[in-house]
Protein backbone atom coordinates (compact mmCIF):
# COMPACT_ATOMS: atom_id res chain seq x y z
CA MET A 1 63.37 -61.31 -8.09
CA ALA A 2 62.86 -59.80 -11.69
CA THR A 3 65.17 -57.07 -13.11
CA VAL A 4 64.57 -54.44 -15.76
CA ASN A 5 67.18 -54.04 -18.35
CA PRO A 6 66.82 -51.11 -20.45
CA TYR A 7 67.11 -51.76 -24.15
CA LEU A 8 68.04 -48.80 -26.59
CA THR A 9 67.61 -48.92 -30.22
CA PHE A 10 69.78 -46.58 -32.42
CA ASN A 11 70.02 -45.61 -36.15
CA GLY A 12 73.44 -46.72 -36.77
CA ASN A 13 75.53 -45.29 -33.95
CA CYS A 14 74.85 -48.08 -31.34
CA GLU A 15 78.61 -48.82 -31.09
CA GLU A 16 79.58 -45.33 -30.50
CA ALA A 17 76.91 -44.66 -27.87
CA PHE A 18 77.92 -47.85 -26.10
CA ASN A 19 81.56 -47.06 -26.05
CA PHE A 20 80.46 -43.67 -24.55
CA TYR A 21 78.37 -45.47 -21.91
CA LYS A 22 81.10 -47.66 -21.18
CA SER A 23 83.50 -44.79 -20.57
CA VAL A 24 80.92 -43.52 -18.10
CA PHE A 25 79.95 -46.75 -16.28
CA GLY A 26 83.21 -48.78 -16.73
CA GLY A 27 83.46 -52.45 -17.19
CA GLU A 28 83.33 -54.64 -20.30
CA PHE A 29 80.67 -55.57 -22.79
CA ARG A 30 79.18 -58.90 -22.00
CA GLN A 31 78.26 -59.46 -25.60
CA ILE A 32 78.71 -57.43 -28.76
CA SER A 33 77.69 -58.67 -32.06
CA LYS A 34 76.95 -57.26 -35.62
CA PHE A 35 74.50 -58.03 -38.22
CA LYS A 36 77.24 -59.76 -40.16
CA ASP A 37 77.54 -62.26 -37.48
CA MET A 38 74.22 -63.68 -38.22
CA PRO A 39 73.80 -66.87 -40.09
CA PRO A 40 72.41 -66.36 -43.70
CA MET A 41 68.69 -66.46 -43.70
CA PRO A 42 67.10 -67.45 -47.19
CA GLY A 43 65.03 -64.47 -48.55
CA MET A 44 66.40 -62.20 -46.09
CA GLU A 45 69.72 -61.03 -47.94
CA MET A 46 71.33 -58.36 -45.99
CA PRO A 47 72.62 -55.02 -47.63
CA GLU A 48 76.23 -54.24 -47.29
CA ALA A 49 75.51 -51.19 -45.36
CA GLU A 50 73.79 -53.11 -42.72
CA LYS A 51 76.36 -55.63 -42.06
CA GLU A 52 78.38 -53.47 -39.64
CA ARG A 53 75.50 -52.25 -37.61
CA ILE A 54 75.23 -53.60 -34.09
CA LEU A 55 72.78 -56.70 -33.72
CA HIS A 56 73.08 -56.85 -30.01
CA VAL A 57 75.43 -55.28 -27.23
CA SER A 58 75.00 -55.61 -23.58
CA LEU A 59 77.01 -53.73 -20.83
CA PRO A 60 76.52 -54.54 -17.14
CA ILE A 61 76.32 -51.19 -15.20
CA SER A 62 75.60 -52.73 -11.80
CA LYS A 63 75.16 -56.04 -10.12
CA GLU A 64 71.46 -56.09 -11.19
CA THR A 65 71.19 -54.00 -14.40
CA ILE A 66 72.54 -54.60 -17.95
CA LEU A 67 72.12 -51.86 -20.29
CA MET A 68 71.29 -53.48 -23.74
CA GLY A 69 71.17 -52.17 -27.33
CA SER A 70 71.27 -52.57 -31.03
CA ASP A 71 70.99 -50.59 -34.36
CA SER A 72 67.72 -50.70 -36.23
CA ASN A 73 67.21 -52.81 -39.08
CA LEU A 74 67.32 -50.45 -42.31
CA ARG A 75 64.21 -52.45 -43.61
CA MET A 76 62.22 -51.42 -40.42
CA GLY A 77 63.10 -47.77 -41.01
CA GLU A 78 64.62 -45.25 -38.60
CA VAL A 79 63.64 -45.05 -34.95
CA LYS A 80 62.49 -41.78 -33.13
CA MET A 81 65.54 -41.42 -30.65
CA GLY A 82 65.28 -40.88 -26.96
CA GLN A 83 61.67 -39.62 -26.58
CA HIS A 84 59.97 -42.84 -25.73
CA MET A 85 61.54 -43.60 -22.33
CA SER A 86 63.82 -42.47 -19.48
CA LEU A 87 66.65 -44.45 -17.99
CA SER A 88 66.77 -44.22 -14.04
CA ILE A 89 70.23 -44.86 -12.64
CA GLY A 90 70.38 -45.48 -8.74
CA ALA A 91 73.90 -44.58 -7.58
CA ASP A 92 75.65 -45.89 -4.34
CA SER A 93 76.93 -42.49 -3.41
CA LYS A 94 76.77 -38.86 -3.93
CA GLU A 95 80.16 -38.58 -5.62
CA GLU A 96 79.16 -41.50 -7.88
CA ALA A 97 75.86 -39.89 -8.79
CA GLY A 98 77.82 -36.58 -9.55
CA HIS A 99 80.24 -38.53 -11.86
CA ILE A 100 77.67 -40.30 -13.80
CA PHE A 101 75.37 -37.23 -14.10
CA ASN A 102 78.42 -34.89 -15.37
CA SER A 103 79.64 -37.71 -17.68
CA LEU A 104 76.40 -38.48 -19.31
CA SER A 105 75.53 -34.87 -19.72
CA ALA A 106 78.70 -34.05 -21.65
CA GLY A 107 77.77 -32.90 -25.18
CA GLY A 108 74.02 -33.25 -24.06
CA LYS A 109 71.46 -31.19 -22.27
CA VAL A 110 70.82 -30.78 -18.41
CA THR A 111 67.12 -30.57 -17.99
CA MET A 112 67.12 -30.52 -14.01
CA PRO A 113 70.62 -29.86 -12.47
CA ILE A 114 71.69 -32.45 -9.96
CA ALA A 115 70.90 -31.25 -6.64
CA ASP A 116 69.57 -32.15 -3.06
CA MET A 117 65.85 -32.85 -3.23
CA PHE A 118 63.12 -32.66 -0.57
CA TRP A 119 62.53 -36.33 -0.69
CA GLY A 120 65.92 -37.09 0.70
CA ALA A 121 67.77 -37.72 -2.54
CA TYR A 122 70.47 -36.15 -4.67
CA PHE A 123 68.71 -36.10 -8.09
CA GLY A 124 69.13 -34.57 -11.61
CA MET A 125 67.83 -35.26 -15.15
CA LEU A 126 69.47 -34.93 -18.38
CA GLU A 127 69.25 -35.62 -22.11
CA ASP A 128 72.44 -37.24 -23.29
CA LYS A 129 74.20 -36.56 -26.66
CA PHE A 130 72.34 -39.34 -28.40
CA GLY A 131 69.08 -38.08 -27.33
CA PHE A 132 68.06 -40.26 -24.36
CA THR A 133 66.83 -39.09 -21.18
CA TRP A 134 68.40 -40.13 -18.02
CA MET A 135 67.41 -39.60 -14.28
CA VAL A 136 70.26 -40.00 -11.75
CA ASN A 137 69.49 -40.67 -8.10
CA TYR A 138 71.30 -41.14 -5.18
CA ASP A 139 69.13 -41.71 -1.94
CA TYR A 140 70.59 -40.41 1.31
CA PRO A 141 70.66 -42.94 4.07
CA LYS A 142 67.41 -42.65 6.47
CA LYS A 143 68.06 -41.00 9.69
């Protein structure tokens, strides 16, 4: 079965953001590389300011999902942060959902407090301190 792996693009703070996400979800980066790690490409010389930017990072956050990201390429211009997607996290327990929600919302903005919902879930929405929108959900077992 196919999986969906969210890919986030940043304006130079990808490493900071992914270290924050790592503190929330735990685990280790599967891969992290910087633009300076790329082989030289003729006609595509890289400015010094760009070499320390993240080329690619991947952080497993569950058995099925890998959170991926990179910094933008300065030649492509800045990206508009957070408003083009939401990231939905399905937690394994109410406690895990609460932990993830509270951790991700630190320094950000809660847009819908996490609470029991009419559809049988514990659910909340927030914008993290990097401008990304998250939905955190735990489905109660069916009775």
